[in-house]
């Protein structure tokens, strides 16, 4: 059940069809939901850590992810989004 999810690319002499545009849009929705948190993590300093040991590295990454989650929560509160 695994399929390639590469987006199609048009050229000047052969533009994308409507079906291909819809397919690209469907793929882009999923990709954006997955890649935006990783981009935010990169802005917070990325996955590069300045500590020794797996336990400290894990804790450091958990702090960065918790910081991202807090930023996201504050944004959603200001935007007026109600979760439940």
Protein backbone atom coordinates (compact mmCIF):
# COMPACT_ATOMS: atom_id res chain seq x y z
CA UNK A 1 0.00 0.00 0.00
CA UNK A 2 3.02 2.35 -0.15
CA UNK A 3 3.14 4.90 -2.97
CA UNK A 4 5.56 7.63 -4.01
CA UNK A 5 4.36 11.08 -3.03
CA UNK A 6 6.59 13.27 -5.19
CA UNK A 7 5.01 16.34 -6.64
CA UNK A 8 4.81 16.71 -10.39
CA UNK A 9 6.65 19.55 -12.10
CA UNK A 10 5.48 21.37 -15.21
CA UNK A 11 7.59 22.92 -17.94
CA UNK A 12 7.10 25.94 -20.16
CA UNK A 13 6.17 23.76 -23.14
CA UNK A 14 4.08 21.30 -21.11
CA UNK A 15 2.13 22.78 -18.16
CA UNK A 16 0.52 20.65 -15.49
CA UNK A 17 -2.96 19.28 -16.05
CA UNK A 18 -5.78 19.99 -13.58
CA UNK A 19 -5.50 16.44 -12.22
CA UNK A 20 -1.78 16.91 -11.55
CA UNK A 21 -2.42 20.28 -9.88
CA UNK A 22 -4.99 18.69 -7.54
CA UNK A 23 -2.55 15.88 -6.74
CA UNK A 24 0.24 18.38 -5.96
CA UNK A 25 -2.11 20.36 -3.70
CA UNK A 26 -3.12 17.21 -1.83
CA UNK A 27 0.53 16.26 -1.26
CA UNK A 28 1.47 19.83 -0.25
CA UNK A 29 -1.18 19.92 2.51
CA UNK A 30 0.34 16.89 4.24
CA UNK A 31 3.91 18.08 3.67
CA UNK A 32 3.20 21.50 5.20
CA UNK A 33 1.70 19.96 8.36
CA UNK A 34 4.80 17.79 8.78
CA UNK A 35 7.55 20.23 7.82
CA UNK A 36 6.46 23.40 9.67
CA UNK A 37 7.27 22.03 13.15
CA UNK A 38 10.71 20.96 11.92
CA UNK A 39 11.33 24.45 10.49
CA UNK A 40 10.35 25.99 13.83
CA UNK A 41 12.70 23.60 15.62
CA UNK A 42 15.51 24.70 13.26
CA UNK A 43 14.81 28.34 14.20
CA UNK A 44 15.16 27.43 17.87
CA UNK A 45 18.67 26.16 17.25
CA UNK A 46 18.04 22.98 15.31
CA UNK A 47 18.92 19.51 16.44
CA UNK A 48 22.53 20.45 17.22
CA UNK A 49 23.13 19.97 20.94
CA UNK A 50 25.95 21.09 23.17
CA UNK A 51 25.82 18.45 25.85
CA UNK A 52 27.37 15.08 26.61
CA UNK A 53 25.28 11.98 27.12
CA UNK A 54 22.10 10.57 25.70
CA UNK A 55 19.99 11.49 28.73
CA UNK A 56 21.01 15.16 28.58
CA UNK A 57 20.58 15.28 24.80
CA UNK A 58 17.09 13.79 25.13
CA UNK A 59 16.18 16.30 27.83
CA UNK A 60 17.53 19.17 25.72
CA UNK A 61 15.43 18.15 22.72
CA UNK A 62 12.37 17.72 24.93
CA UNK A 63 12.84 21.30 26.20
CA UNK A 64 13.05 22.62 22.65
CA UNK A 65 9.91 20.71 21.65
CA UNK A 66 8.09 21.91 24.78
CA UNK A 67 9.08 25.49 23.89
CA UNK A 68 7.66 25.01 20.39
CA UNK A 69 4.43 23.61 21.85
CA UNK A 70 4.12 26.61 24.19
CA UNK A 71 4.66 29.04 21.31
CA UNK A 72 2.03 27.22 19.30
CA UNK A 73 -0.41 27.23 22.23
CA UNK A 74 0.04 30.98 22.73
CA UNK A 75 -0.51 31.60 19.03
CA UNK A 76 -3.70 29.52 19.00
CA UNK A 77 -5.00 31.27 22.14
CA UNK A 78 -4.45 34.73 20.60
CA UNK A 79 -6.03 33.57 17.33
CA UNK A 80 -9.13 32.47 19.26
CA UNK A 81 -9.00 28.81 18.30
CA UNK A 82 -11.01 26.59 20.65
CA UNK A 83 -9.78 22.99 20.74
CA UNK A 84 -12.76 21.29 22.36
